[in-house]
Amino acid sequence: MTSRLALLLSFAPLFAQHIDWITAGNRALDGGNPRQAAADFAHALEETGTRFAAKDLVHLRVTLATAYMEAGDYRAAESVLREIQKGGEPAGDRSKAEVLNAWSAVHMKLGQLAEAEANLTEAERILLKSPGHGELMGTVLHNLAAIELRTGRYEDALQNERVALAQLAQTLPANDPALIRAWASLGSLQYMMGAADEARLSTERALSAAETRYGPAHPLIADLLESDAIVLDRLKLKKPARQARDRARAIRASSGVPAERGLTWDVREIQLPGSAVSLRSQ
């Protein structure tokens, strides 16, 4: 979800011998600069990609597609994913599921929800028979919940988001980007289902984790503050809501990121078909 799709994703260095470009790309993604991240991952792929094991090469290409997606360059993301397909069947169940999840994010961004759901259902089926990939399963279920939210299946979305959170929490630190997105999405669902008190707790948990990871002035903080303000309005907490919006405006003014940038979902996601989805996986 903006992914924000989805789609889904904490980027530790993937391979120690190629740490420079990959680490730079991961840092750029975390810093909200996906275009620079894409350039860094492309360098890693061009310079050393042929030395990777098949599954690691798939992962690097998916991560490159992630950066293009977050930069809004969907054609480039599709091109990268097609390059994976040209190489034949991805190596191993995890790689197959990872590619399916990536395609789902592209389809979601293009409004092709039926195709995205088919991708995710197949990815879930593959992972269910191949245990030990909890963080990827969490990302898949997170994106599936995004589709269910957008198509009005709130109960199904709520169940999948809760399972996604449980899966992600088993292996990721509390301030990991995937968990931040999951908590924010859970808040969206709870808000849409009329549970504003629960939505406040989830949204503010996402906000606290994001502040720990990124600091108090990252554009993502502004997104989450605006979501928090909407929930606070529903709870008739007008002063805290106004303070949250004022802080969000100050962050956007200082960062130069427009309000429509949308680094994560807000609680009105069902009304915002173009907002972010998650493509990331570990």
C-alpha atoms as a PDB file:
ATOM      1  CA  MET A   1       0.000   0.000   0.000  1.00  0.00           C
ATOM      2  CA  THR A   2       1.111   3.341  -0.380  1.00  0.00           C
ATOM      3  CA  SER A   3       3.011   1.259  -0.466  1.00  0.00           C
ATOM      4  CA  ARG A   4       3.223   2.397   0.331  1.00  0.00           C
ATOM      5  CA  LEU A   5       0.583  -0.699  -3.790  1.00  0.00           C
ATOM      6  CA  ALA A   6       1.724  -1.814  -0.744  1.00  0.00           C
ATOM      7  CA  LEU A   7       2.913  -2.694  -1.891  1.00  0.00           C
ATOM      8  CA  LEU A   8       4.060  -4.439   1.871  1.00  0.00           C
ATOM      9  CA  LEU A   9       8.628  -3.217   2.712  1.00  0.00           C
ATOM     10  CA  SER A  10      13.673  -2.101   6.767  1.00  0.00           C
ATOM     11  CA  PHE A  11      16.131  -2.867   4.137  1.00  0.00           C
ATOM     12  CA  ALA A  12      19.220  -4.469   5.705  1.00  0.00           C
ATOM     13  CA  PRO A  13      22.229  -4.854   3.416  1.00  0.00           C
ATOM     14  CA  LEU A  14      21.464  -7.771   1.135  1.00  0.00           C
ATOM     15  CA  PHE A  15      24.930  -9.018   0.334  1.00  0.00           C
ATOM     16  CA  ALA A  16      28.087  -8.043   2.219  1.00  0.00           C
ATOM     17  CA  GLN A  17      30.336  -8.067  -0.862  1.00  0.00           C
ATOM     18  CA  HIS A  18      28.088  -5.485  -2.582  1.00  0.00           C
ATOM     19  CA  ILE A  19      27.226  -3.400   0.442  1.00  0.00           C
ATOM     20  CA  ASP A  20      27.953   0.047  -0.997  1.00  0.00           C
ATOM     21  CA  TRP A  21      25.283   0.500  -3.704  1.00  0.00           C
ATOM     22  CA  ILE A  22      22.651  -1.581  -1.950  1.00  0.00           C
ATOM     23  CA  THR A  23      23.113   0.134   1.389  1.00  0.00           C
ATOM     24  CA  ALA A  24      23.003   3.517  -0.344  1.00  0.00           C
ATOM     25  CA  GLY A  25      19.750   2.532  -2.043  1.00  0.00           C
ATOM     26  CA  ASN A  26      18.230   1.317   1.203  1.00  0.00           C
ATOM     27  CA  ARG A  27      19.220   4.569   2.905  1.00  0.00           C
ATOM     28  CA  ALA A  28      17.707   6.619   0.086  1.00  0.00           C
ATOM     29  CA  LEU A  29      14.409   4.711   0.326  1.00  0.00           C
ATOM     30  CA  ASP A  30      14.253   5.224   4.076  1.00  0.00           C
ATOM     31  CA  GLY A  31      15.040   8.897   3.526  1.00  0.00           C
ATOM     32  CA  GLY A  32      12.130   9.365   1.130  1.00  0.00           C
ATOM     33  CA  ASN A  33      14.256   9.624  -2.041  1.00  0.00           C
ATOM     34  CA  PRO A  34      13.106   6.700  -4.223  1.00  0.00           C
ATOM     35  CA  ARG A  35      14.601   8.076  -7.448  1.00  0.00           C
ATOM     36  CA  GLN A  36      18.067   8.076  -5.922  1.00  0.00           C
ATOM     37  CA  ALA A  37      17.375   4.622  -4.494  1.00  0.00           C
ATOM     38  CA  ALA A  38      16.461   3.346  -7.959  1.00  0.00           C
ATOM     39  CA  ALA A  39      19.698   4.732  -9.380  1.00  0.00           C
ATOM     40  CA  ASP A  40      21.700   3.048  -6.610  1.00  0.00           C
ATOM     41  CA  PHE A  41      19.992  -0.340  -7.027  1.00  0.00           C
ATOM     42  CA  ALA A  42      20.425  -0.117 -10.802  1.00  0.00           C
ATOM     43  CA  HIS A  43      24.155   0.467 -10.283  1.00  0.00           C
ATOM     44  CA  ALA A  44      24.332  -2.610  -8.058  1.00  0.00           C
ATOM     45  CA  LEU A  45      22.528  -4.634 -10.697  1.00  0.00           C
ATOM     46  CA  GLU A  46      24.655  -3.383 -13.590  1.00  0.00           C
ATOM     47  CA  GLU A  47      27.996  -3.782 -11.858  1.00  0.00           C
ATOM     48  CA  THR A  48      27.569  -7.044  -9.982  1.00  0.00           C
ATOM     49  CA  GLY A  49      24.173  -8.538 -10.779  1.00  0.00           C
ATOM     50  CA  THR A  50      25.560 -11.486 -12.717  1.00  0.00           C
ATOM     51  CA  ARG A  51      27.409 -12.663  -9.602  1.00  0.00           C
ATOM     52  CA  PHE A  52      24.271 -13.037  -7.502  1.00  0.00           C
ATOM     53  CA  ALA A  53      22.588 -16.336  -6.816  1.00  0.00           C
ATOM     54  CA  ALA A  54      19.312 -16.610  -8.710  1.00  0.00           C
ATOM     55  CA  LYS A  55      17.090 -15.921  -5.692  1.00  0.00           C
ATOM     56  CA  ASP A  56      19.227 -12.941  -4.641  1.00  0.00           C
ATOM     57  CA  LEU A  57      19.074 -11.502  -8.145  1.00  0.00           C
ATOM     58  CA  VAL A  58      15.279 -11.768  -8.084  1.00  0.00           C
ATOM     59  CA  HIS A  59      15.221  -9.979  -4.736  1.00  0.00           C
ATOM     60  CA  LEU A  60      17.446  -7.178  -5.992  1.00  0.00           C
ATOM     61  CA  ARG A  61      15.271  -6.682  -9.080  1.00  0.00           C
ATOM     62  CA  VAL A  62      12.128  -6.591  -6.937  1.00  0.00           C
ATOM     63  CA  THR A  63      13.793  -4.012  -4.687  1.00  0.00           C
ATOM     64  CA  LEU A  64      14.647  -1.940  -7.767  1.00  0.00           C
ATOM     65  CA  ALA A  65      11.020  -2.196  -8.863  1.00  0.00           C
ATOM     66  CA  THR A  66      10.060  -1.041  -5.364  1.00  0.00           C
ATOM     67  CA  ALA A  67      12.075   2.131  -5.774  1.00  0.00           C
ATOM     68  CA  TYR A  68      10.551   2.857  -9.186  1.00  0.00           C
ATOM     69  CA  MET A  69       7.075   2.288  -7.763  1.00  0.00           C
ATOM     70  CA  GLU A  70       7.666   4.680  -4.882  1.00  0.00           C
ATOM     71  CA  ALA A  71       8.974   7.247  -7.378  1.00  0.00           C
ATOM     72  CA  GLY A  72       5.760   6.896  -9.410  1.00  0.00           C
ATOM     73  CA  ASP A  73       7.520   5.386 -12.449  1.00  0.00           C
ATOM     74  CA  TYR A  74       5.229   2.408 -12.991  1.00  0.00           C
ATOM     75  CA  ARG A  75       6.478   1.689 -16.520  1.00  0.00           C
ATOM     76  CA  ALA A  76      10.000   1.251 -15.202  1.00  0.00           C
ATOM     77  CA  ALA A  77       8.731  -1.005 -12.407  1.00  0.00           C
ATOM     78  CA  GLU A  78       6.852  -3.156 -14.924  1.00  0.00           C
ATOM     79  CA  SER A  79       9.947  -3.350 -17.111  1.00  0.00           C
ATOM     80  CA  VAL A  80      12.060  -4.634 -14.232  1.00  0.00           C
ATOM     81  CA  LEU A  81       9.488  -7.277 -13.344  1.00  0.00           C
ATOM     82  CA  ARG A  82       9.249  -8.402 -16.971  1.00  0.00           C
ATOM     83  CA  GLU A  83      13.025  -8.855 -16.987  1.00  0.00           C
ATOM     84  CA  ILE A  84      12.570 -11.339 -14.147  1.00  0.00           C
ATOM     85  CA  GLN A  85       9.986 -13.226 -16.206  1.00  0.00           C
ATOM     86  CA  LYS A  86      12.281 -13.323 -19.226  1.00  0.00           C
ATOM     87  CA  GLY A  87      14.752 -15.263 -17.112  1.00  0.00           C
ATOM     88  CA  GLY A  88      12.235 -18.057 -16.637  1.00  0.00           C
ATOM     89  CA  GLU A  89      10.545 -19.296 -13.472  1.00  0.00           C
ATOM     90  CA  PRO A  90      11.938 -17.560 -10.342  1.00  0.00           C
ATOM     91  CA  ALA A  91      14.101 -19.807  -8.186  1.00  0.00           C
ATOM     92  CA  GLY A  92      12.225 -21.174  -5.175  1.00  0.00           C
ATOM     93  CA  ASP A  93       8.852 -20.559  -3.578  1.00  0.00           C
ATOM     94  CA  ARG A  94       9.917 -17.364  -1.818  1.00  0.00           C
ATOM     95  CA  SER A  95      11.096 -15.780  -5.055  1.00  0.00           C
ATOM     96  CA  LYS A  96       7.879 -16.755  -6.837  1.00  0.00           C
ATOM     97  CA  ALA A  97       5.779 -15.222  -4.079  1.00  0.00           C
ATOM     98  CA  GLU A  98       7.966 -12.111  -3.980  1.00  0.00           C
ATOM     99  CA  VAL A  99       7.495 -11.489  -7.701  1.00  0.00           C
ATOM    100  CA  LEU A 100       3.733 -12.069  -7.444  1.00  0.00           C
ATOM    101  CA  ASN A 101       3.566  -9.575  -4.587  1.00  0.00           C
ATOM    102  CA  ALA A 102       5.494  -7.054  -6.663  1.00  0.00           C
ATOM    103  CA  TRP A 103       3.125  -7.461  -9.599  1.00  0.00           C
ATOM    104  CA  SER A 104       0.175  -7.016  -7.265  1.00  0.00           C
ATOM    105  CA  ALA A 105       1.530  -3.637  -6.209  1.00  0.00           C
ATOM    106  CA  VAL A 106       1.803  -2.524  -9.834  1.00  0.00           C
ATOM    107  CA  HIS A 107      -1.714  -3.739 -10.584  1.00  0.00           C
ATOM    108  CA  MET A 108      -3.088  -1.961  -7.522  1.00  0.00           C
ATOM    109  CA  LYS A 109      -1.459   1.287  -8.537  1.00  0.00           C
ATOM    110  CA  LEU A 110      -3.040   0.959 -11.974  1.00  0.00           C
ATOM    111  CA  GLY A 111      -6.452   0.233 -10.464  1.00  0.00           C
ATOM    112  CA  GLN A 112      -6.430  -3.399 -11.630  1.00  0.00           C
ATOM    113  CA  LEU A 113      -7.723  -4.824  -8.372  1.00  0.00           C
ATOM    114  CA  ALA A 114      -8.886  -8.199  -9.688  1.00  0.00           C
ATOM    115  CA  GLU A 115      -5.459  -8.907 -11.163  1.00  0.00           C
ATOM    116  CA  ALA A 116      -3.745  -7.746  -7.972  1.00  0.00           C
ATOM    117  CA  GLU A 117      -5.937  -9.952  -5.815  1.00  0.00           C
ATOM    118  CA  ALA A 118      -5.209 -12.967  -8.024  1.00  0.00           C
ATOM    119  CA  ASN A 119      -1.464 -12.313  -7.643  1.00  0.00           C
ATOM    120  CA  LEU A 120      -1.737 -12.103  -3.872  1.00  0.00           C
ATOM    121  CA  THR A 121      -3.974 -15.135  -3.508  1.00  0.00           C
ATOM    122  CA  GLU A 122      -1.446 -17.208  -5.435  1.00  0.00           C
ATOM    123  CA  ALA A 123       1.452 -15.772  -3.408  1.00  0.00           C
ATOM    124  CA  GLU A 124      -0.374 -16.662  -0.183  1.00  0.00           C
ATOM    125  CA  ARG A 125      -0.990 -20.205  -1.443  1.00  0.00           C
ATOM    126  CA  ILE A 126       2.704 -20.654  -2.244  1.00  0.00           C
ATOM    127  CA  LEU A 127       3.849 -19.330   1.133  1.00  0.00           C
ATOM    128  CA  LEU A 128       1.379 -21.457   3.088  1.00  0.00           C
ATOM    129  CA  LYS A 129       3.102 -24.588   1.787  1.00  0.00           C
ATOM    130  CA  SER A 130       6.571 -23.112   2.384  1.00  0.00           C
ATOM    131  CA  PRO A 131       6.846 -21.978   6.036  1.00  0.00           C
ATOM    132  CA  GLY A 132       9.561 -19.720   7.380  1.00  0.00           C
ATOM    133  CA  HIS A 133       8.779 -16.574   5.377  1.00  0.00           C
ATOM    134  CA  GLY A 134       6.678 -14.714   7.928  1.00  0.00           C
ATOM    135  CA  GLU A 135       7.747 -11.223   6.924  1.00  0.00           C
ATOM    136  CA  LEU A 136       6.882 -11.849   3.258  1.00  0.00           C
ATOM    137  CA  MET A 137       3.558 -13.459   4.210  1.00  0.00           C
ATOM    138  CA  GLY A 138       2.866 -10.391   6.332  1.00  0.00           C
ATOM    139  CA  THR A 139       3.517  -8.137   3.349  1.00  0.00           C
ATOM    140  CA  VAL A 140       1.267 -10.232   1.099  1.00  0.00           C
ATOM    141  CA  LEU A 141      -1.590 -10.175   3.618  1.00  0.00           C
ATOM    142  CA  HIS A 142      -1.076  -6.441   4.172  1.00  0.00           C
ATOM    143  CA  ASN A 143      -1.571  -5.828   0.454  1.00  0.00           C
ATOM    144  CA  LEU A 144      -4.516  -8.215   0.304  1.00  0.00           C
ATOM    145  CA  ALA A 145      -6.124  -6.221   3.115  1.00  0.00           C
ATOM    146  CA  ALA A 146      -5.617  -3.076   0.999  1.00  0.00           C
ATOM    147  CA  ILE A 147      -7.696  -4.577  -1.807  1.00  0.00           C
ATOM    148  CA  GLU A 148     -10.368  -5.777   0.577  1.00  0.00           C
ATOM    149  CA  LEU A 149     -10.517  -2.316   2.130  1.00  0.00           C
ATOM    150  CA  ARG A 150     -10.954  -0.678  -1.244  1.00  0.00           C
ATOM    151  CA  THR A 151     -13.699  -3.094  -2.240  1.00  0.00           C
ATOM    152  CA  GLY A 152     -15.636  -2.717   0.999  1.00  0.00           C
ATOM    153  CA  ARG A 153     -14.770  -6.094   2.559  1.00  0.00           C
ATOM    154  CA  TYR A 154     -13.825  -4.562   5.872  1.00  0.00           C
ATOM    155  CA  GLU A 155     -14.098  -7.668   8.050  1.00  0.00           C
ATOM    156  CA  ASP A 156     -11.823  -9.674   5.733  1.00  0.00           C
ATOM    157  CA  ALA A 157      -9.406  -6.756   5.527  1.00  0.00           C
ATOM    158  CA  LEU A 158      -9.321  -6.384   9.305  1.00  0.00           C
ATOM    159  CA  GLN A 159      -8.574 -10.075   9.794  1.00  0.00           C
ATOM    160  CA  ASN A 160      -5.791 -10.095   7.199  1.00  0.00           C
ATOM    161  CA  GLU A 161      -4.221  -6.910   8.564  1.00  0.00           C
ATOM    162  CA  ARG A 162      -4.144  -8.338  12.069  1.00  0.00           C
ATOM    163  CA  VAL A 163      -2.527 -11.559  10.845  1.00  0.00           C
ATOM    164  CA  ALA A 164      -0.074  -9.470   8.798  1.00  0.00           C
ATOM    165  CA  LEU A 165       0.900  -7.540  11.916  1.00  0.00           C
ATOM    166  CA  ALA A 166       1.424 -10.760  13.860  1.00  0.00           C
ATOM    167  CA  GLN A 167       3.600 -12.204  11.079  1.00  0.00           C
ATOM    168  CA  LEU A 168       5.700  -9.062  10.715  1.00  0.00           C
ATOM    169  CA  ALA A 169       6.148  -8.594  14.461  1.00  0.00           C
ATOM    170  CA  GLN A 170       7.733 -12.038  14.768  1.00  0.00           C
ATOM    171  CA  THR A 171      10.816 -11.052  12.796  1.00  0.00           C
ATOM    172  CA  LEU A 172      10.964  -7.253  12.514  1.00  0.00           C
ATOM    173  CA  PRO A 173      11.843  -4.516  15.027  1.00  0.00           C
ATOM    174  CA  ALA A 174       8.968  -2.374  16.256  1.00  0.00           C
ATOM    175  CA  ASN A 175      10.017   0.640  14.174  1.00  0.00           C
ATOM    176  CA  ASP A 176      10.431  -1.251  10.892  1.00  0.00           C
ATOM    177  CA  PRO A 177       8.769   0.462   7.887  1.00  0.00           C
ATOM    178  CA  ALA A 178       6.597  -2.594   7.196  1.00  0.00           C
ATOM    179  CA  LEU A 179       5.195  -2.511  10.723  1.00  0.00           C
ATOM    180  CA  ILE A 180       4.648   1.240  10.549  1.00  0.00           C
ATOM    181  CA  ARG A 181       2.558   0.754   7.395  1.00  0.00           C
ATOM    182  CA  ALA A 182       0.657  -2.129   8.947  1.00  0.00           C
ATOM    183  CA  TRP A 183      -0.273  -0.160  12.070  1.00  0.00           C
ATOM    184  CA  ALA A 184      -1.338   2.808   9.924  1.00  0.00           C
ATOM    185  CA  SER A 185      -3.463   0.524   7.757  1.00  0.00           C
ATOM    186  CA  LEU A 186      -5.046  -1.118  10.784  1.00  0.00           C
ATOM    187  CA  GLY A 187      -5.973   2.363  11.976  1.00  0.00           C
ATOM    188  CA  SER A 188      -7.588   3.045   8.592  1.00  0.00           C
ATOM    189  CA  LEU A 189      -9.689  -0.087   8.878  1.00  0.00           C
ATOM    190  CA  GLN A 190     -10.720   0.578  12.451  1.00  0.00           C
ATOM    191  CA  TYR A 191     -11.743   4.115  11.516  1.00  0.00           C
ATOM    192  CA  MET A 192     -13.804   2.925   8.549  1.00  0.00           C
ATOM    193  CA  MET A 193     -15.534   0.382  10.789  1.00  0.00           C
ATOM    194  CA  GLY A 194     -16.463   3.004  13.371  1.00  0.00           C
ATOM    195  CA  ALA A 195     -13.902   2.052  16.031  1.00  0.00           C
ATOM    196  CA  ALA A 196     -12.322   5.483  16.409  1.00  0.00           C
ATOM    197  CA  ASP A 197     -10.803   4.774  19.833  1.00  0.00           C
ATOM    198  CA  GLU A 198      -8.990   1.725  18.459  1.00  0.00           C
ATOM    199  CA  ALA A 199      -8.016   3.647  15.327  1.00  0.00           C
ATOM    200  CA  ARG A 200      -6.420   6.332  17.471  1.00  0.00           C
ATOM    201  CA  LEU A 201      -4.278   3.765  19.297  1.00  0.00           C
ATOM    202  CA  SER A 202      -3.139   2.118  16.041  1.00  0.00           C
ATOM    203  CA  THR A 203      -2.428   5.391  14.235  1.00  0.00           C
ATOM    204  CA  GLU A 204      -0.494   6.809  17.157  1.00  0.00           C
ATOM    205  CA  ARG A 205       1.473   3.577  17.473  1.00  0.00           C
ATOM    206  CA  ALA A 206       2.467   3.974  13.819  1.00  0.00           C
ATOM    207  CA  LEU A 207       3.336   7.606  14.481  1.00  0.00           C
ATOM    208  CA  SER A 208       5.519   6.777  17.496  1.00  0.00           C
ATOM    209  CA  ALA A 209       7.389   4.073  15.572  1.00  0.00           C
ATOM    210  CA  ALA A 210       7.901   6.382  12.584  1.00  0.00           C
ATOM    211  CA  GLU A 211       9.268   9.161  14.779  1.00  0.00           C
ATOM    212  CA  THR A 212      11.700   6.711  16.370  1.00  0.00           C
ATOM    213  CA  ARG A 213      12.895   5.485  12.994  1.00  0.00           C
ATOM    214  CA  TYR A 214      12.911   8.664  10.913  1.00  0.00           C
ATOM    215  CA  GLY A 215      12.951  11.544  13.378  1.00  0.00           C
ATOM    216  CA  PRO A 216      10.230  14.151  14.000  1.00  0.00           C
ATOM    217  CA  ALA A 217      10.399  16.000  10.662  1.00  0.00           C
ATOM    218  CA  HIS A 218      10.213  13.253   8.015  1.00  0.00           C
ATOM    219  CA  PRO A 219       7.397  13.645   5.429  1.00  0.00           C
ATOM    220  CA  LEU A 220       5.923  10.330   6.553  1.00  0.00           C
ATOM    221  CA  ILE A 221       5.279  11.907   9.955  1.00  0.00           C
ATOM    222  CA  ALA A 222       3.099  14.521   8.259  1.00  0.00           C
ATOM    223  CA  ASP A 223       1.013  11.795   6.588  1.00  0.00           C
ATOM    224  CA  LEU A 224       0.461  10.044   9.890  1.00  0.00           C
ATOM    225  CA  LEU A 225      -0.319  13.276  11.732  1.00  0.00           C
ATOM    226  CA  GLU A 226      -3.025  14.084   9.207  1.00  0.00           C
ATOM    227  CA  SER A 227      -4.546  10.640   9.692  1.00  0.00           C
ATOM    228  CA  ASP A 228      -4.366  11.109  13.451  1.00  0.00           C
ATOM    229  CA  ALA A 229      -6.139  14.463  13.120  1.00  0.00           C
ATOM    230  CA  ILE A 230      -9.039  12.844  11.259  1.00  0.00           C
ATOM    231  CA  VAL A 231      -9.443  10.257  14.004  1.00  0.00           C
ATOM    232  CA  LEU A 232      -9.219  12.946  16.674  1.00  0.00           C
ATOM    233  CA  ASP A 233     -11.950  14.887  14.880  1.00  0.00           C
ATOM    234  CA  ARG A 234     -14.194  11.835  15.031  1.00  0.00           C
ATOM    235  CA  LEU A 235     -13.503  11.646  18.777  1.00  0.00           C
ATOM    236  CA  LYS A 236     -14.339  15.375  19.080  1.00  0.00           C
ATOM    237  CA  LEU A 237     -10.838  16.166  20.300  1.00  0.00           C
ATOM    238  CA  LYS A 238     -10.612  19.383  18.342  1.00  0.00           C
ATOM    239  CA  LYS A 239      -7.536  20.956  19.940  1.00  0.00           C
ATOM    240  CA  PRO A 240      -5.257  17.877  19.536  1.00  0.00           C
ATOM    241  CA  ALA A 241      -6.572  17.499  15.967  1.00  0.00           C
ATOM    242  CA  ARG A 242      -5.697  21.113  15.173  1.00  0.00           C
ATOM    243  CA  GLN A 243      -2.245  20.687  16.723  1.00  0.00           C
ATOM    244  CA  ALA A 244      -1.609  17.568  14.630  1.00  0.00           C
ATOM    245  CA  ARG A 245      -2.579  19.390  11.423  1.00  0.00           C
ATOM    246  CA  ASP A 246      -0.453  22.401  12.291  1.00  0.00           C
ATOM    247  CA  ARG A 247       2.536  20.164  12.882  1.00  0.00           C
ATOM    248  CA  ALA A 248       1.915  18.306   9.612  1.00  0.00           C
ATOM    249  CA  ARG A 249       1.800  21.595   7.679  1.00  0.00           C
ATOM    250  CA  ALA A 250       5.055  22.721   9.297  1.00  0.00           C
ATOM    251  CA  ILE A 251       6.772  19.480   8.309  1.00  0.00           C
ATOM    252  CA  ARG A 252       5.560  19.754   4.716  1.00  0.00           C
ATOM    253  CA  ALA A 253       6.633  23.376   4.490  1.00  0.00           C
ATOM    254  CA  SER A 254      10.123  22.577   5.751  1.00  0.00           C
ATOM    255  CA  SER A 255      10.577  19.441   3.639  1.00  0.00           C
ATOM    256  CA  GLY A 256       9.124  20.790   0.400  1.00  0.00           C
ATOM    257  CA  VAL A 257       6.985  17.645   0.001  1.00  0.00           C
ATOM    258  CA  PRO A 258       3.432  18.432  -1.196  1.00  0.00           C
ATOM    259  CA  ALA A 259       0.415  17.119   0.682  1.00  0.00           C
ATOM    260  CA  GLU A 260      -0.505  14.748  -2.139  1.00  0.00           C
ATOM    261  CA  ARG A 261       2.863  12.975  -1.885  1.00  0.00           C
ATOM    262  CA  GLY A 262       1.198  10.240   0.189  1.00  0.00           C
ATOM    263  CA  LEU A 263       3.954   8.125   1.732  1.00  0.00           C
ATOM    264  CA  THR A 264       1.429   6.013   3.603  1.00  0.00           C
ATOM    265  CA  TRP A 265      -2.337   5.530   3.727  1.00  0.00           C
ATOM    266  CA  ASP A 266      -4.543   7.894   5.590  1.00  0.00           C
ATOM    267  CA  VAL A 267      -7.642   6.777   7.401  1.00  0.00           C
ATOM    268  CA  ARG A 268      -9.843   7.699   4.444  1.00  0.00           C
ATOM    269  CA  GLU A 269      -8.022   5.250   2.164  1.00  0.00           C
ATOM    270  CA  ILE A 270     -11.278   3.922   0.732  1.00  0.00           C
ATOM    271  CA  GLN A 271     -11.834   7.385  -0.761  1.00  0.00           C
ATOM    272  CA  LEU A 272      -8.309   7.644  -2.155  1.00  0.00           C
ATOM    273  CA  PRO A 273      -7.773   5.009  -4.875  1.00  0.00           C
ATOM    274  CA  GLY A 274      -4.461   6.531  -5.915  1.00  0.00           C
ATOM    275  CA  SER A 275      -2.734   6.520  -2.550  1.00  0.00           C
ATOM    276  CA  ALA A 276       0.243   4.459  -1.580  1.00  0.00           C
ATOM    277  CA  VAL A 277       0.493   0.682  -1.439  1.00  0.00           C
ATOM    278  CA  SER A 278       3.277  -1.549  -0.241  1.00  0.00           C
ATOM    279  CA  LEU A 279       5.603  -3.391  -2.564  1.00  0.00           C
ATOM    280  CA  ARG A 280       8.399  -3.910  -0.091  1.00  0.00           C
ATOM    281  CA  SER A 281       9.419  -7.195   1.437  1.00  0.00           C
ATOM    282  CA  GLN A 282      12.521  -8.081   3.425  1.00  0.00           C
END
